[in-house]
Amino acid sequence: MSEPRALGRYFYGDRLPGQARRFYDVLDSRLAGGDYHAEVPLTLEEQDRADRDAFAACKALRHDRPEYFFLGRKMTFFSSGGREGRLRLQILYTPAEIETLKTTFRQKMLPLMAGTADKSLVQREELIYSRLARQLRYQNTRSEQEHNLVGPMLASRGVCEGQNALLLYCLRRAGVTCVQVLGKGRTENHCWAMVWLNGEPVHCDVTWEKPGKGVMLYRYFNLTDEQIARDHSGFAGQNLPACCTETYSYYRLHRHSVCSLAELAGHLRSGAQRGGMAYGQLQPSCTDAQMSRAVNAALRGLPGCWNIYHVASLGAVALMKQAGR
């Protein structure tokens, strides 16, 4: 499957059948043009499936376009049986509120996007992902704004849908192609992102990437299908492209991935001596006992106390020197 067009903005819309796609285009044109009227007239060509196509168009638009944060999940379709129908949207905010929020978003985006313009595509993605992972916190009070851009952007709080919406919004602003992936996380419904880097797709889940004591471990950054499937499911049957490359994982990108326990111990020790922070990954992965021996060898004789963070799912480890110790 080729990289989606327009940075992924039409990914689910492009999959819709004829009438549903036409409805999608009508809604997109109105909302993009600043027409926030709740009732949208539609011309029906297949009356028997018009309601299903209208609902499918709205659903696809919500998945594709985080900038339509004002579009709610509820909708109602009306038809008298002829060629004319009406779709009543749930618009969550008044037109004045929408424009005010857009202005506020532009200001909030400045620190998130700072320093990305002169970086490579992969560097931009990593910088944005890291900033959001450090900033965002999970919150579910059943508020609509936790499911769209508003909660994550204004309060740094939201559920997976809202946090992922902000990731997509920022990445696209930086020129990175990405789409929403729907599935399950362990047992609950969940969503995350698929990102294209130099034509190759990878998985990213900023919601689950929560730094421990300020340490970014990149557990869910640019993963393959096999790696994300350890605790994510439900995406395999959705005709998504296969994510097979580990080239853009944090540990490969920064040359923290080695092939032997001796190399791992040496790499960790070198990193710890340089700056009090070290990352390492062994490919293929090893047992916990072997990893512990490599860590002990790396830290032997070094001053201070060190926090050790295992990333068992990736066969990786991070070391951080405790402040003042």
C-alpha atoms as a PDB file:
ATOM      1  CA  MET A   1       0.000   0.000   0.000  1.00  0.00           C
ATOM      2  CA  SER A   2       1.392   3.389  -1.003  1.00  0.00           C
ATOM      3  CA  GLU A   3       1.752   6.325   1.368  1.00  0.00           C
ATOM      4  CA  PRO A   4      -1.597   8.119   1.866  1.00  0.00           C
ATOM      5  CA  ARG A   5      -2.106  11.370   0.021  1.00  0.00           C
ATOM      6  CA  ALA A   6      -2.223  14.814   1.638  1.00  0.00           C
ATOM      7  CA  LEU A   7      -0.294  13.636   4.732  1.00  0.00           C
ATOM      8  CA  GLY A   8      -3.090  11.163   5.566  1.00  0.00           C
ATOM      9  CA  ARG A   9      -5.903  13.723   5.794  1.00  0.00           C
ATOM     10  CA  TYR A  10      -8.218  11.634   3.567  1.00  0.00           C
ATOM     11  CA  PHE A  11      -7.160   8.123   4.551  1.00  0.00           C
ATOM     12  CA  TYR A  12     -10.538   6.819   5.721  1.00  0.00           C
ATOM     13  CA  GLY A  13     -12.487   9.028   3.336  1.00  0.00           C
ATOM     14  CA  ASP A  14     -10.659   7.533   0.370  1.00  0.00           C
ATOM     15  CA  ARG A  15     -11.872   4.076   1.439  1.00  0.00           C
ATOM     16  CA  LEU A  16     -15.567   4.964   1.315  1.00  0.00           C
ATOM     17  CA  PRO A  17     -17.827   3.728  -1.519  1.00  0.00           C
ATOM     18  CA  GLY A  18     -19.341   6.183  -4.025  1.00  0.00           C
ATOM     19  CA  GLN A  19     -22.264   7.833  -2.246  1.00  0.00           C
ATOM     20  CA  ALA A  20     -20.588   7.816   1.173  1.00  0.00           C
ATOM     21  CA  ARG A  21     -17.512   9.433  -0.383  1.00  0.00           C
ATOM     22  CA  ARG A  22     -19.656  12.146  -1.955  1.00  0.00           C
ATOM     23  CA  PHE A  23     -21.238  12.849   1.424  1.00  0.00           C
ATOM     24  CA  TYR A  24     -17.747  12.994   2.955  1.00  0.00           C
ATOM     25  CA  ASP A  25     -16.693  15.577   0.368  1.00  0.00           C
ATOM     26  CA  VAL A  26     -19.782  17.706   1.014  1.00  0.00           C
ATOM     27  CA  LEU A  27     -19.173  17.734   4.762  1.00  0.00           C
ATOM     28  CA  ASP A  28     -15.457  18.377   4.362  1.00  0.00           C
ATOM     29  CA  SER A  29     -16.030  21.296   2.012  1.00  0.00           C
ATOM     30  CA  ARG A  30     -18.509  22.959   4.380  1.00  0.00           C
ATOM     31  CA  LEU A  31     -16.457  22.533   7.539  1.00  0.00           C
ATOM     32  CA  ALA A  32     -13.190  23.552   5.881  1.00  0.00           C
ATOM     33  CA  GLY A  33     -14.913  26.686   4.627  1.00  0.00           C
ATOM     34  CA  GLY A  34     -16.091  27.679   8.094  1.00  0.00           C
ATOM     35  CA  ASP A  35     -19.744  26.687   7.624  1.00  0.00           C
ATOM     36  CA  TYR A  36     -20.696  25.302  11.032  1.00  0.00           C
ATOM     37  CA  HIS A  37     -24.447  24.967  10.472  1.00  0.00           C
ATOM     38  CA  ALA A  38     -25.655  21.749  12.044  1.00  0.00           C
ATOM     39  CA  GLU A  39     -28.012  20.762   9.210  1.00  0.00           C
ATOM     40  CA  VAL A  40     -26.431  19.702   5.925  1.00  0.00           C
ATOM     41  CA  PRO A  41     -28.565  19.041   2.809  1.00  0.00           C
ATOM     42  CA  LEU A  42     -27.549  15.954   0.853  1.00  0.00           C
ATOM     43  CA  THR A  43     -28.526  14.703  -2.604  1.00  0.00           C
ATOM     44  CA  LEU A  44     -29.334  11.004  -2.450  1.00  0.00           C
ATOM     45  CA  GLU A  45     -28.467   8.623  -5.272  1.00  0.00           C
ATOM     46  CA  GLU A  46     -28.970   5.381  -3.356  1.00  0.00           C
ATOM     47  CA  GLN A  47     -31.849   6.067  -1.003  1.00  0.00           C
ATOM     48  CA  ASP A  48     -31.876   2.613   0.552  1.00  0.00           C
ATOM     49  CA  ARG A  49     -28.425   3.087   2.056  1.00  0.00           C
ATOM     50  CA  ALA A  50     -28.318   6.861   2.448  1.00  0.00           C
ATOM     51  CA  ASP A  51     -28.446   6.799   6.251  1.00  0.00           C
ATOM     52  CA  ARG A  52     -25.579   4.287   6.508  1.00  0.00           C
ATOM     53  CA  ASP A  53     -23.489   6.257   4.023  1.00  0.00           C
ATOM     54  CA  ALA A  54     -24.094   9.518   5.875  1.00  0.00           C
ATOM     55  CA  PHE A  55     -23.038   8.018   9.202  1.00  0.00           C
ATOM     56  CA  ALA A  56     -19.982   6.379   7.579  1.00  0.00           C
ATOM     57  CA  ALA A  57     -18.951   9.713   6.064  1.00  0.00           C
ATOM     58  CA  CYS A  58     -19.141  11.473   9.433  1.00  0.00           C
ATOM     59  CA  LYS A  59     -17.210   8.711  11.163  1.00  0.00           C
ATOM     60  CA  ALA A  60     -14.457   8.752   8.535  1.00  0.00           C
ATOM     61  CA  LEU A  61     -14.198  12.533   8.752  1.00  0.00           C
ATOM     62  CA  ARG A  62     -13.746  12.390  12.533  1.00  0.00           C
ATOM     63  CA  HIS A  63     -11.002   9.789  12.156  1.00  0.00           C
ATOM     64  CA  ASP A  64      -9.232  11.734   9.398  1.00  0.00           C
ATOM     65  CA  ARG A  65      -9.405  15.324  10.550  1.00  0.00           C
ATOM     66  CA  PRO A  66      -8.454  16.245  14.129  1.00  0.00           C
ATOM     67  CA  GLU A  67      -8.791  19.914  13.153  1.00  0.00           C
ATOM     68  CA  TYR A  68     -12.558  19.335  13.087  1.00  0.00           C
ATOM     69  CA  PHE A  69     -12.489  19.135  16.874  1.00  0.00           C
ATOM     70  CA  PHE A  70     -15.925  20.753  16.997  1.00  0.00           C
ATOM     71  CA  LEU A  71     -17.625  17.799  15.257  1.00  0.00           C
ATOM     72  CA  GLY A  72     -19.317  15.564  17.834  1.00  0.00           C
ATOM     73  CA  ARG A  73     -20.040  11.866  17.629  1.00  0.00           C
ATOM     74  CA  LYS A  74     -23.832  12.149  17.483  1.00  0.00           C
ATOM     75  CA  MET A  75     -25.698  12.671  14.211  1.00  0.00           C
ATOM     76  CA  THR A  76     -29.220  12.269  12.822  1.00  0.00           C
ATOM     77  CA  PHE A  77     -30.291  11.589   9.242  1.00  0.00           C
ATOM     78  CA  PHE A  78     -33.642  12.679   7.768  1.00  0.00           C
ATOM     79  CA  SER A  79     -35.229  11.711   4.445  1.00  0.00           C
ATOM     80  CA  SER A  80     -38.780  11.880   3.083  1.00  0.00           C
ATOM     81  CA  GLY A  81     -38.082   9.098   0.620  1.00  0.00           C
ATOM     82  CA  GLY A  82     -37.057  11.225  -2.383  1.00  0.00           C
ATOM     83  CA  ARG A  83     -33.673  12.404  -3.582  1.00  0.00           C
ATOM     84  CA  GLU A  84     -33.239  15.010  -0.867  1.00  0.00           C
ATOM     85  CA  GLY A  85     -31.981  14.219   2.605  1.00  0.00           C
ATOM     86  CA  ARG A  86     -30.638  16.146   5.585  1.00  0.00           C
ATOM     87  CA  LEU A  87     -27.909  15.273   8.018  1.00  0.00           C
ATOM     88  CA  ARG A  88     -27.967  16.945  11.419  1.00  0.00           C
ATOM     89  CA  LEU A  89     -24.491  17.147  12.905  1.00  0.00           C
ATOM     90  CA  GLN A  90     -23.522  17.607  16.522  1.00  0.00           C
ATOM     91  CA  ILE A  91     -21.506  20.840  16.583  1.00  0.00           C
ATOM     92  CA  LEU A  92     -19.949  21.074  20.039  1.00  0.00           C
ATOM     93  CA  TYR A  93     -19.155  24.782  20.095  1.00  0.00           C
ATOM     94  CA  THR A  94     -20.606  28.013  18.734  1.00  0.00           C
ATOM     95  CA  PRO A  95     -18.953  29.564  15.648  1.00  0.00           C
ATOM     96  CA  ALA A  96     -17.397  32.258  17.841  1.00  0.00           C
ATOM     97  CA  GLU A  97     -16.017  29.643  20.241  1.00  0.00           C
ATOM     98  CA  ILE A  98     -14.595  27.631  17.350  1.00  0.00           C
ATOM     99  CA  GLU A  99     -12.714  30.623  15.961  1.00  0.00           C
ATOM    100  CA  THR A 100     -11.437  31.559  19.421  1.00  0.00           C
ATOM    101  CA  LEU A 101     -10.195  28.017  19.975  1.00  0.00           C
ATOM    102  CA  LYS A 102      -8.442  27.986  16.610  1.00  0.00           C
ATOM    103  CA  THR A 103      -6.620  31.187  17.528  1.00  0.00           C
ATOM    104  CA  THR A 104      -5.636  29.716  20.894  1.00  0.00           C
ATOM    105  CA  PHE A 105      -4.417  26.522  19.203  1.00  0.00           C
ATOM    106  CA  ARG A 106      -2.097  28.519  16.954  1.00  0.00           C
ATOM    107  CA  GLN A 107      -0.436  30.016  20.021  1.00  0.00           C
ATOM    108  CA  LYS A 108      -0.253  26.681  21.838  1.00  0.00           C
ATOM    109  CA  MET A 109       1.389  25.081  18.808  1.00  0.00           C
ATOM    110  CA  LEU A 110       4.414  27.407  18.867  1.00  0.00           C
ATOM    111  CA  PRO A 111       6.373  25.639  21.645  1.00  0.00           C
ATOM    112  CA  LEU A 112       5.374  22.210  20.329  1.00  0.00           C
ATOM    113  CA  MET A 113       6.722  22.999  16.856  1.00  0.00           C
ATOM    114  CA  ALA A 114       9.728  25.085  17.900  1.00  0.00           C
ATOM    115  CA  GLY A 115      12.991  23.967  16.312  1.00  0.00           C
ATOM    116  CA  THR A 116      11.443  21.470  13.883  1.00  0.00           C
ATOM    117  CA  ALA A 117      11.769  23.463  10.652  1.00  0.00           C
ATOM    118  CA  ASP A 118      15.471  22.748  10.052  1.00  0.00           C
ATOM    119  CA  LYS A 119      15.349  19.067  11.049  1.00  0.00           C
ATOM    120  CA  SER A 120      14.857  15.920   9.007  1.00  0.00           C
ATOM    121  CA  LEU A 121      11.460  14.253   8.811  1.00  0.00           C
ATOM    122  CA  VAL A 122      12.420  11.612  11.382  1.00  0.00           C
ATOM    123  CA  GLN A 123      13.938  14.185  13.738  1.00  0.00           C
ATOM    124  CA  ARG A 124      10.770  16.286  13.577  1.00  0.00           C
ATOM    125  CA  GLU A 125       8.653  13.279  14.406  1.00  0.00           C
ATOM    126  CA  GLU A 126      10.838  12.303  17.372  1.00  0.00           C
ATOM    127  CA  LEU A 127      10.913  15.830  18.806  1.00  0.00           C
ATOM    128  CA  ILE A 128       7.132  16.252  18.609  1.00  0.00           C
ATOM    129  CA  TYR A 129       6.462  12.767  19.975  1.00  0.00           C
ATOM    130  CA  SER A 130       8.830  13.316  22.917  1.00  0.00           C
ATOM    131  CA  ARG A 131       7.325  16.682  23.798  1.00  0.00           C
ATOM    132  CA  LEU A 132       3.786  15.352  23.762  1.00  0.00           C
ATOM    133  CA  ALA A 133       4.659  12.199  25.706  1.00  0.00           C
ATOM    134  CA  ARG A 134       6.194  14.309  28.471  1.00  0.00           C
ATOM    135  CA  GLN A 135       3.367  16.829  28.503  1.00  0.00           C
ATOM    136  CA  LEU A 136       0.152  14.810  28.155  1.00  0.00           C
ATOM    137  CA  ARG A 137      -1.670  12.961  30.919  1.00  0.00           C
ATOM    138  CA  TYR A 138      -4.556  10.518  30.646  1.00  0.00           C
ATOM    139  CA  GLN A 139      -7.878  11.802  31.971  1.00  0.00           C
ATOM    140  CA  ASN A 140     -11.385  10.474  31.406  1.00  0.00           C
ATOM    141  CA  THR A 141     -14.199  12.403  33.055  1.00  0.00           C
ATOM    142  CA  ARG A 142     -16.523  11.651  30.101  1.00  0.00           C
ATOM    143  CA  SER A 143     -16.085  15.164  28.746  1.00  0.00           C
ATOM    144  CA  GLU A 144     -16.209  15.599  24.964  1.00  0.00           C
ATOM    145  CA  GLN A 145     -13.098  17.782  25.036  1.00  0.00           C
ATOM    146  CA  GLU A 146     -11.051  14.833  26.297  1.00  0.00           C
ATOM    147  CA  HIS A 147     -11.867  13.082  22.994  1.00  0.00           C
ATOM    148  CA  ASN A 148     -10.793  15.930  20.702  1.00  0.00           C
ATOM    149  CA  LEU A 149      -8.011  18.514  20.460  1.00  0.00           C
ATOM    150  CA  VAL A 150      -9.412  20.838  23.101  1.00  0.00           C
ATOM    151  CA  GLY A 151      -8.534  18.936  26.298  1.00  0.00           C
ATOM    152  CA  PRO A 152      -5.012  17.870  25.262  1.00  0.00           C
ATOM    153  CA  MET A 153      -4.203  21.250  23.706  1.00  0.00           C
ATOM    154  CA  LEU A 154      -5.513  23.508  26.476  1.00  0.00           C
ATOM    155  CA  ALA A 155      -5.102  21.362  29.597  1.00  0.00           C
ATOM    156  CA  SER A 156      -2.684  18.598  28.500  1.00  0.00           C
ATOM    157  CA  ARG A 157      -5.373  16.101  29.506  1.00  0.00           C
ATOM    158  CA  GLY A 158      -7.415  13.641  27.492  1.00  0.00           C
ATOM    159  CA  VAL A 159      -8.136  10.041  26.537  1.00  0.00           C
ATOM    160  CA  CYS A 160      -6.334   8.165  23.764  1.00  0.00           C
ATOM    161  CA  GLU A 161      -8.564   9.671  21.072  1.00  0.00           C
ATOM    162  CA  GLY A 162      -7.744  13.221  22.137  1.00  0.00           C
ATOM    163  CA  GLN A 163      -4.029  12.629  22.719  1.00  0.00           C
ATOM    164  CA  ASN A 164      -3.654  10.859  19.387  1.00  0.00           C
ATOM    165  CA  ALA A 165      -5.576  13.658  17.653  1.00  0.00           C
ATOM    166  CA  LEU A 166      -3.013  16.161  18.926  1.00  0.00           C
ATOM    167  CA  LEU A 167      -0.140  13.953  17.750  1.00  0.00           C
ATOM    168  CA  LEU A 168      -1.643  13.721  14.244  1.00  0.00           C
ATOM    169  CA  TYR A 169      -2.340  17.454  14.196  1.00  0.00           C
ATOM    170  CA  CYS A 170       1.252  18.330  15.119  1.00  0.00           C
ATOM    171  CA  LEU A 171       2.927  15.763  12.879  1.00  0.00           C
ATOM    172  CA  ARG A 172       0.991  16.881   9.829  1.00  0.00           C
ATOM    173  CA  ARG A 173       1.894  20.491  10.564  1.00  0.00           C
ATOM    174  CA  ALA A 174       5.519  19.302  10.472  1.00  0.00           C
ATOM    175  CA  GLY A 175       4.993  17.573   7.113  1.00  0.00           C
ATOM    176  CA  VAL A 176       4.823  14.012   8.467  1.00  0.00           C
ATOM    177  CA  THR A 177       2.216  11.650   6.980  1.00  0.00           C
ATOM    178  CA  CYS A 178       0.161   9.887   9.652  1.00  0.00           C
ATOM    179  CA  VAL A 179      -3.275   8.345  10.269  1.00  0.00           C
ATOM    180  CA  GLN A 180      -5.330   7.107  13.186  1.00  0.00           C
ATOM    181  CA  VAL A 181      -5.338   3.365  13.894  1.00  0.00           C
ATOM    182  CA  LEU A 182      -8.336   1.838  15.671  1.00  0.00           C
ATOM    183  CA  GLY A 183      -8.053  -1.287  17.775  1.00  0.00           C
ATOM    184  CA  LYS A 184      -7.737  -2.491  21.346  1.00  0.00           C
ATOM    185  CA  GLY A 185      -5.140  -1.923  24.028  1.00  0.00           C
ATOM    186  CA  ARG A 186      -5.026  -5.072  26.110  1.00  0.00           C
ATOM    187  CA  THR A 187      -8.824  -5.333  26.612  1.00  0.00           C
ATOM    188  CA  GLU A 188     -10.222  -1.815  26.098  1.00  0.00           C
ATOM    189  CA  ASN A 189     -10.956   0.068  22.877  1.00  0.00           C
ATOM    190  CA  HIS A 190      -7.945   2.139  21.942  1.00  0.00           C
ATOM    191  CA  CYS A 191      -6.427   4.199  19.141  1.00  0.00           C
ATOM    192  CA  TRP A 192      -2.918   5.208  18.174  1.00  0.00           C
ATOM    193  CA  ALA A 193      -1.034   6.453  15.107  1.00  0.00           C
ATOM    194  CA  MET A 194       0.559   4.980  12.028  1.00  0.00           C
ATOM    195  CA  VAL A 195       3.325   7.207  10.679  1.00  0.00           C
ATOM    196  CA  TRP A 196       5.127   7.083   7.305  1.00  0.00           C
ATOM    197  CA  LEU A 197       8.861   7.861   7.354  1.00  0.00           C
ATOM    198  CA  ASN A 198      10.545   7.911   3.958  1.00  0.00           C
ATOM    199  CA  GLY A 199       7.706   5.780   2.630  1.00  0.00           C
ATOM    200  CA  GLU A 200       7.785   3.158   5.394  1.00  0.00           C
ATOM    201  CA  PRO A 201       4.943   2.853   7.950  1.00  0.00           C
ATOM    202  CA  VAL A 202       5.468   2.395  11.698  1.00  0.00           C
ATOM    203  CA  HIS A 203       3.244   2.437  14.799  1.00  0.00           C
ATOM    204  CA  CYS A 204       3.348   5.173  17.481  1.00  0.00           C
ATOM    205  CA  ASP A 205       1.292   5.310  20.673  1.00  0.00           C
ATOM    206  CA  VAL A 206       1.863   8.580  22.513  1.00  0.00           C
ATOM    207  CA  THR A 207      -0.892   7.792  25.057  1.00  0.00           C
ATOM    208  CA  TRP A 208       0.996   4.819  26.478  1.00  0.00           C
ATOM    209  CA  GLU A 209       4.419   6.464  26.220  1.00  0.00           C
ATOM    210  CA  LYS A 210       4.572   7.876  29.712  1.00  0.00           C
ATOM    211  CA  PRO A 211       8.048   8.794  30.991  1.00  0.00           C
ATOM    212  CA  GLY A 212       8.970   7.266  34.340  1.00  0.00           C
ATOM    213  CA  LYS A 213      10.519   9.921  36.598  1.00  0.00           C
ATOM    214  CA  GLY A 214      11.175  12.036  33.550  1.00  0.00           C
ATOM    215  CA  VAL A 215      12.957   9.308  31.594  1.00  0.00           C
ATOM    216  CA  MET A 216      11.730   8.690  28.056  1.00  0.00           C
ATOM    217  CA  LEU A 217      11.990   4.993  27.207  1.00  0.00           C
ATOM    218  CA  TYR A 218      10.413   5.084  23.714  1.00  0.00           C
ATOM    219  CA  ARG A 219       8.461   1.896  24.332  1.00  0.00           C
ATOM    220  CA  TYR A 220       5.856   2.788  21.697  1.00  0.00           C
ATOM    221  CA  PHE A 221       7.878   4.860  19.249  1.00  0.00           C
ATOM    222  CA  ASN A 222       8.069   3.629  15.644  1.00  0.00           C
ATOM    223  CA  LEU A 223       7.224  -0.007  16.282  1.00  0.00           C
ATOM    224  CA  THR A 224       6.628  -2.880  13.878  1.00  0.00           C
ATOM    225  CA  ASP A 225       3.373  -4.842  13.721  1.00  0.00           C
ATOM    226  CA  GLU A 226       4.981  -7.622  15.739  1.00  0.00           C
ATOM    227  CA  GLN A 227       6.188  -5.249  18.451  1.00  0.00           C
ATOM    228  CA  ILE A 228       2.929  -3.310  18.858  1.00  0.00           C
ATOM    229  CA  ALA A 229       0.912  -6.559  18.820  1.00  0.00           C
ATOM    230  CA  ARG A 230       2.365  -7.558  22.203  1.00  0.00           C
ATOM    231  CA  ASP A 231      -0.288  -5.414  23.897  1.00  0.00           C
ATOM    232  CA  HIS A 232      -2.308  -3.894  21.023  1.00  0.00           C
ATOM    233  CA  SER A 233      -4.779  -5.830  18.887  1.00  0.00           C
ATOM    234  CA  GLY A 234      -7.694  -5.481  16.493  1.00  0.00           C
ATOM    235  CA  PHE A 235      -5.813  -3.693  13.714  1.00  0.00           C
ATOM    236  CA  ALA A 236      -4.688  -6.684  11.649  1.00  0.00           C
ATOM    237  CA  GLY A 237      -7.929  -7.067   9.673  1.00  0.00           C
ATOM    238  CA  GLN A 238      -8.320  -3.399   8.686  1.00  0.00           C
ATOM    239  CA  ASN A 239      -6.363  -3.508   5.413  1.00  0.00           C
ATOM    240  CA  LEU A 240      -3.577  -1.382   6.850  1.00  0.00           C
ATOM    241  CA  PRO A 241      -0.076  -1.554   5.396  1.00  0.00           C
ATOM    242  CA  ALA A 242       2.371  -3.911   7.072  1.00  0.00           C
ATOM    243  CA  CYS A 243       4.801  -2.236   9.473  1.00  0.00           C
ATOM    244  CA  CYS A 244       7.989  -4.289   9.212  1.00  0.00           C
ATOM    245  CA  THR A 245      10.976  -1.984   9.626  1.00  0.00           C
ATOM    246  CA  GLU A 246      12.887  -1.312  12.851  1.00  0.00           C
ATOM    247  CA  THR A 247      15.056   1.281  11.121  1.00  0.00           C
ATOM    248  CA  TYR A 248      13.276   4.172  12.804  1.00  0.00           C
ATOM    249  CA  SER A 249      13.045   2.823  16.338  1.00  0.00           C
ATOM    250  CA  TYR A 250      14.673   5.129  18.874  1.00  0.00           C
ATOM    251  CA  TYR A 251      17.371   2.594  19.694  1.00  0.00           C
ATOM    252  CA  ARG A 252      18.302   1.998  16.051  1.00  0.00           C
ATOM    253  CA  LEU A 253      18.144   5.683  15.112  1.00  0.00           C
ATOM    254  CA  HIS A 254      20.564   6.656  17.859  1.00  0.00           C
ATOM    255  CA  ARG A 255      22.817   3.606  17.447  1.00  0.00           C
ATOM    256  CA  HIS A 256      21.990   2.176  20.843  1.00  0.00           C
ATOM    257  CA  SER A 257      21.292  -1.279  19.380  1.00  0.00           C
ATOM    258  CA  VAL A 258      24.116  -3.846  19.614  1.00  0.00           C
ATOM    259  CA  CYS A 259      24.544  -7.541  18.944  1.00  0.00           C
ATOM    260  CA  SER A 260      26.269  -8.968  22.040  1.00  0.00           C
ATOM    261  CA  LEU A 261      26.124  -8.658  25.816  1.00  0.00           C
ATOM    262  CA  ALA A 262      29.719  -7.456  25.918  1.00  0.00           C
ATOM    263  CA  GLU A 263      28.900  -4.684  23.420  1.00  0.00           C
ATOM    264  CA  LEU A 264      25.802  -3.772  25.429  1.00  0.00           C
ATOM    265  CA  ALA A 265      27.791  -3.433  28.664  1.00  0.00           C
ATOM    266  CA  GLY A 266      30.401  -1.303  26.923  1.00  0.00           C
ATOM    267  CA  HIS A 267      27.835   0.898  25.208  1.00  0.00           C
ATOM    268  CA  LEU A 268      25.937   1.510  28.451  1.00  0.00           C
ATOM    269  CA  ARG A 269      29.130   2.302  30.336  1.00  0.00           C
ATOM    270  CA  SER A 270      30.267   4.753  27.670  1.00  0.00           C
ATOM    271  CA  GLY A 271      26.928   6.558  27.714  1.00  0.00           C
ATOM    272  CA  ALA A 272      26.844   6.688  31.516  1.00  0.00           C
ATOM    273  CA  GLN A 273      30.364   8.138  31.699  1.00  0.00           C
ATOM    274  CA  ARG A 274      29.557  10.831  29.125  1.00  0.00           C
ATOM    275  CA  GLY A 275      26.384  12.278  30.590  1.00  0.00           C
ATOM    276  CA  GLY A 276      24.806  10.340  33.402  1.00  0.00           C
ATOM    277  CA  MET A 277      22.210   8.860  31.029  1.00  0.00           C
ATOM    278  CA  ALA A 278      22.579   5.767  28.878  1.00  0.00           C
ATOM    279  CA  TYR A 279      20.415   3.681  26.540  1.00  0.00           C
ATOM    280  CA  GLY A 280      21.089   0.242  25.151  1.00  0.00           C
ATOM    281  CA  GLN A 281      19.321  -2.507  23.217  1.00  0.00           C
ATOM    282  CA  LEU A 282      20.383  -6.060  22.443  1.00  0.00           C
ATOM    283  CA  GLN A 283      19.309  -7.671  19.173  1.00  0.00           C
ATOM    284  CA  PRO A 284      18.269 -10.433  19.464  1.00  0.00           C
ATOM    285  CA  SER A 285      16.913  -9.875  22.951  1.00  0.00           C
ATOM    286  CA  CYS A 286      18.264 -11.636  26.030  1.00  0.00           C
ATOM    287  CA  THR A 287      16.954 -12.922  29.350  1.00  0.00           C
ATOM    288  CA  ASP A 288      16.414 -10.617  32.316  1.00  0.00           C
ATOM    289  CA  ALA A 289      19.345 -12.260  34.095  1.00  0.00           C
ATOM    290  CA  GLN A 290      21.668 -11.622  31.138  1.00  0.00           C
ATOM    291  CA  MET A 291      20.496  -8.012  30.930  1.00  0.00           C
ATOM    292  CA  SER A 292      21.144  -7.545  34.635  1.00  0.00           C
ATOM    293  CA  ARG A 293      24.680  -8.875  34.255  1.00  0.00           C
ATOM    294  CA  ALA A 294      25.359  -6.449  31.399  1.00  0.00           C
ATOM    295  CA  VAL A 295      24.026  -3.537  33.466  1.00  0.00           C
ATOM    296  CA  ASN A 296      26.118  -4.529  36.471  1.00  0.00           C
ATOM    297  CA  ALA A 297      29.207  -4.720  34.287  1.00  0.00           C
ATOM    298  CA  ALA A 298      28.443  -1.289  32.812  1.00  0.00           C
ATOM    299  CA  LEU A 299      28.057   0.356  36.222  1.00  0.00           C
ATOM    300  CA  ARG A 300      30.920  -1.422  37.993  1.00  0.00           C
ATOM    301  CA  GLY A 301      33.175   1.190  39.562  1.00  0.00           C
ATOM    302  CA  LEU A 302      31.140   4.198  38.449  1.00  0.00           C
ATOM    303  CA  PRO A 303      30.334   6.705  41.207  1.00  0.00           C
ATOM    304  CA  GLY A 304      26.810   7.539  42.330  1.00  0.00           C
ATOM    305  CA  CYS A 305      23.485   5.734  42.445  1.00  0.00           C
ATOM    306  CA  TRP A 306      21.699   4.769  39.247  1.00  0.00           C
ATOM    307  CA  ASN A 307      18.082   4.160  38.310  1.00  0.00           C
ATOM    308  CA  ILE A 308      17.648   1.214  35.951  1.00  0.00           C
ATOM    309  CA  TYR A 309      14.697   0.997  33.545  1.00  0.00           C
ATOM    310  CA  HIS A 310      14.085  -2.238  31.662  1.00  0.00           C
ATOM    311  CA  VAL A 311      12.124  -2.164  28.408  1.00  0.00           C
ATOM    312  CA  ALA A 312      11.560  -5.906  28.167  1.00  0.00           C
ATOM    313  CA  SER A 313       9.293  -5.672  25.108  1.00  0.00           C
ATOM    314  CA  LEU A 314      12.170  -4.213  23.050  1.00  0.00           C
ATOM    315  CA  GLY A 315      15.098  -5.947  24.743  1.00  0.00           C
ATOM    316  CA  ALA A 316      16.314  -2.528  25.885  1.00  0.00           C
ATOM    317  CA  VAL A 317      17.430  -0.757  29.044  1.00  0.00           C
ATOM    318  CA  ALA A 318      18.013   2.822  30.191  1.00  0.00           C
ATOM    319  CA  LEU A 319      20.247   4.047  33.021  1.00  0.00           C
ATOM    320  CA  MET A 320      19.957   7.399  34.762  1.00  0.00           C
ATOM    321  CA  LYS A 321      22.206   8.725  37.493  1.00  0.00           C
ATOM    322  CA  GLN A 322      20.278   9.976  40.511  1.00  0.00           C
ATOM    323  CA  ALA A 323      20.681  13.704  41.099  1.00  0.00           C
ATOM    324  CA  GLY A 324      23.165  14.563  43.816  1.00  0.00           C
ATOM    325  CA  ARG A 325      24.169  10.917  44.340  1.00  0.00           C
END
